[in-house]
Amino acid sequence: MAKPTTIKIRLNSTADTGYFYVTKKNARTMTEKMVKRKYDPIARKHVEFKEGKIK
């Protein structure tokens, strides 16, 4: 069976609040780690979120 093209990833906040988003990415086209600037409601501001593994 073939590998799925999209994988689930966890975007962890760099503000060290423990907040995270769960999203999907295409593993074939985006081979590098995903970094997005999103809203952290605990820090109450926009911060960078870096990709981590879902445990």
Protein backbone atom coordinates (compact mmCIF):
# COMPACT_ATOMS: atom_id res chain seq x y z
CA MET A 1 0.00 0.00 0.00
CA ALA A 2 1.23 3.50 -0.83
CA LYS A 3 2.11 6.16 1.73
CA PRO A 4 -0.49 8.92 2.15
CA THR A 5 0.46 12.26 0.60
CA THR A 6 -0.78 14.34 3.54
CA ILE A 7 0.43 13.81 7.09
CA LYS A 8 -0.82 15.30 10.35
CA ILE A 9 1.58 17.60 12.14
CA ARG A 10 1.55 19.59 15.35
CA LEU A 11 2.48 23.28 15.30
CA ASN A 12 4.01 24.18 18.70
CA SER A 13 4.15 27.76 19.95
CA THR A 14 7.59 29.32 20.30
CA ALA A 15 6.29 31.47 23.18
CA ASP A 16 6.58 28.37 25.47
CA THR A 17 2.93 28.49 26.51
CA GLY A 18 2.26 24.88 25.55
CA TYR A 19 -0.39 25.90 23.02
CA PHE A 20 -0.45 24.06 19.68
CA TYR A 21 -2.41 23.68 16.47
CA VAL A 22 -2.94 20.39 14.61
CA THR A 23 -2.88 20.64 10.82
CA LYS A 24 -2.01 18.67 7.70
CA LYS A 25 0.77 19.16 5.19
CA ASN A 26 1.70 17.55 1.91
CA ALA A 27 4.85 15.57 2.72
CA ARG A 28 5.93 15.29 -0.92
CA THR A 29 5.91 18.99 -1.81
CA MET A 30 6.86 20.47 1.59
CA THR A 31 9.88 18.48 2.70
CA GLU A 32 11.21 21.08 5.16
CA LYS A 33 9.74 21.79 8.61
CA MET A 34 6.71 24.07 8.54
CA VAL A 35 6.85 27.43 10.32
CA LYS A 36 3.72 29.59 10.52
CA ARG A 37 2.92 32.84 12.28
CA LYS A 38 -0.39 32.30 14.09
CA TYR A 39 -2.30 33.57 17.10
CA ASP A 40 -1.48 32.21 20.57
CA PRO A 41 -4.48 32.87 22.87
CA ILE A 42 -2.46 32.20 26.03
CA ALA A 43 0.22 34.78 25.13
CA ARG A 44 -2.52 36.92 23.48
CA LYS A 45 -0.41 37.79 20.45
CA HIS A 46 0.79 36.40 17.13
CA VAL A 47 3.91 34.24 17.45
CA GLU A 48 5.75 31.71 15.30
CA PHE A 49 4.63 28.11 15.47
CA LYS A 50 7.13 25.39 14.51
CA GLU A 51 6.38 21.88 13.37
CA GLY A 52 6.65 18.97 15.78
CA LYS A 53 5.55 15.35 15.81
CA ILE A 54 2.18 14.16 17.10
CA LYS A 55 2.78 11.72 19.93
